[in-house]
């Protein structure tokens, strides 16, 4: 699992009052998401989902770092999502928590996630 990468992302963001994100690139396999407090002027981090099987997210969003940005979906939530979208075995289901969509989350099924700081 990628719990260390998830903790690293959430811990880095926790020191900010808000963070903006946008899809920077998707090459059919890897998804690059840029993040910062003043996008698109300054990119502070890049989150890279590797070997993506499925994605369901907006092009741009904001997150409240105090709530957290990303977690692994688990239990009934993971089961129901997998049943609906047939996520290929070996992929983790990452849940992204935007701050402006109420209770609606975004999802990425990928083999791993990586954080790059101060691109």
Protein backbone atom coordinates (compact mmCIF):
# COMPACT_ATOMS: atom_id res chain seq x y z
CA UNK A 1 0.00 0.00 0.00
CA UNK A 2 0.98 3.64 -0.26
CA UNK A 3 0.16 4.82 3.24
CA UNK A 4 3.57 6.51 3.60
CA UNK A 5 3.02 8.55 0.43
CA UNK A 6 -0.50 9.46 1.54
CA UNK A 7 0.74 10.59 4.96
CA UNK A 8 3.53 12.58 3.33
CA UNK A 9 1.04 14.39 1.07
CA UNK A 10 -1.47 15.15 3.85
CA UNK A 11 1.26 16.21 6.31
CA UNK A 12 2.83 18.57 3.78
CA UNK A 13 -0.50 20.24 3.01
CA UNK A 14 -1.56 20.55 6.67
CA UNK A 15 0.52 23.71 7.19
CA UNK A 16 -1.49 25.66 4.60
CA UNK A 17 -4.96 27.22 4.99
CA UNK A 18 -6.06 25.96 1.54
CA UNK A 19 -4.56 24.38 -1.55
CA UNK A 20 -5.57 24.46 -5.20
CA UNK A 21 -5.10 21.52 -7.56
CA UNK A 22 -5.34 20.94 -11.29
CA UNK A 23 -4.64 18.11 -13.67
CA UNK A 24 -1.36 18.93 -15.32
CA UNK A 25 -0.90 15.88 -17.53
CA UNK A 26 -2.34 12.46 -18.19
CA UNK A 27 -0.41 10.34 -20.66
CA UNK A 28 -2.71 7.32 -20.51
CA UNK A 29 -0.67 5.71 -17.76
CA UNK A 30 0.50 8.35 -15.26
CA UNK A 31 -1.62 11.22 -13.91
CA UNK A 32 0.24 14.38 -12.86
CA UNK A 33 -1.64 16.77 -10.57
CA UNK A 34 -0.12 20.17 -9.77
CA UNK A 35 -0.88 21.87 -6.49
CA UNK A 36 -0.22 25.22 -4.89
CA UNK A 37 -1.63 28.16 -2.98
CA UNK A 38 -1.43 30.40 -6.05
CA UNK A 39 -2.07 28.27 -9.13
CA UNK A 40 -1.29 28.58 -11.98
CA UNK A 41 1.31 31.22 -11.06
CA UNK A 42 3.31 29.00 -8.71
CA UNK A 43 3.33 25.22 -8.47
CA UNK A 44 4.41 24.01 -5.02
CA UNK A 45 3.90 20.27 -5.40
CA UNK A 46 3.11 17.63 -7.93
CA UNK A 47 1.24 14.44 -7.10
CA UNK A 48 1.83 11.61 -9.53
CA UNK A 49 -0.47 8.61 -9.72
CA UNK A 50 1.38 5.81 -11.50
CA UNK A 51 -0.15 3.06 -13.64
CA UNK A 52 -3.64 4.55 -13.55
CA UNK A 53 -6.51 2.19 -14.32
CA UNK A 54 -9.47 4.51 -13.62
CA UNK A 55 -10.03 8.16 -12.72
CA UNK A 56 -13.05 10.19 -11.74
CA UNK A 57 -12.20 13.80 -10.90
CA UNK A 58 -12.59 17.39 -12.03
CA UNK A 59 -9.86 19.24 -13.91
CA UNK A 60 -9.47 21.75 -11.04
CA UNK A 61 -10.45 21.82 -7.37
CA UNK A 62 -9.57 23.20 -3.95
CA UNK A 63 -8.95 21.27 -0.77
CA UNK A 64 -8.99 22.08 2.90
CA UNK A 65 -5.69 20.67 4.20
CA UNK A 66 -7.10 20.46 7.74
CA UNK A 67 -9.55 17.84 6.48
CA UNK A 68 -6.92 16.05 4.39
CA UNK A 69 -6.60 15.61 0.69
CA UNK A 70 -6.18 11.92 0.02
CA UNK A 71 -6.87 8.56 1.63
CA UNK A 72 -7.26 4.97 0.55
CA UNK A 73 -10.88 4.01 0.09
CA UNK A 74 -11.75 0.97 2.16
CA UNK A 75 -14.57 -1.20 3.41
CA UNK A 76 -18.03 -0.75 1.95
CA UNK A 77 -17.01 2.37 0.03
CA UNK A 78 -14.22 0.51 -1.77
CA UNK A 79 -16.43 -2.54 -2.36
CA UNK A 80 -19.31 -0.49 -3.82
CA UNK A 81 -17.01 1.56 -6.05
CA UNK A 82 -15.23 -1.55 -7.26
CA UNK A 83 -18.55 -3.25 -7.99
CA UNK A 84 -19.63 -0.27 -10.08
CA UNK A 85 -16.39 0.32 -12.03
CA UNK A 86 -14.67 -3.11 -11.99
CA UNK A 87 -11.29 -1.86 -10.77
CA UNK A 88 -8.53 -4.17 -11.95
CA UNK A 89 -6.90 -6.20 -9.19
CA UNK A 90 -3.58 -4.81 -7.93
CA UNK A 91 -4.68 -1.17 -8.11
CA UNK A 92 -5.31 0.95 -5.02
CA UNK A 93 -8.43 3.11 -4.91
CA UNK A 94 -7.38 6.61 -3.82
CA UNK A 95 -10.08 8.92 -2.55
CA UNK A 96 -9.48 12.65 -3.08
CA UNK A 97 -11.43 15.01 -0.83
CA UNK A 98 -12.23 18.39 -2.44
CA UNK A 99 -13.54 21.22 -0.27
CA UNK A 100 -16.19 22.62 -2.62
CA UNK A 101 -18.29 19.59 -3.58
CA UNK A 102 -20.13 18.79 -0.37
CA UNK A 103 -19.94 15.06 0.26
CA UNK A 104 -18.78 14.19 -3.28
CA UNK A 105 -15.24 12.81 -3.51
CA UNK A 106 -12.98 12.10 -6.48
CA UNK A 107 -11.32 8.76 -7.11
CA UNK A 108 -8.20 7.46 -8.83
CA UNK A 109 -7.38 3.76 -9.15
CA UNK A 110 -3.62 3.42 -9.58
CA UNK A 111 -0.77 1.17 -8.52
CA UNK A 112 0.99 3.92 -6.53
CA UNK A 113 1.17 7.61 -5.74
CA UNK A 114 4.20 9.85 -5.38
CA UNK A 115 4.75 13.41 -4.12
CA UNK A 116 7.25 15.86 -5.62
CA UNK A 117 7.80 19.06 -3.62
CA UNK A 118 8.80 22.49 -5.04
CA UNK A 119 8.80 21.53 -8.67
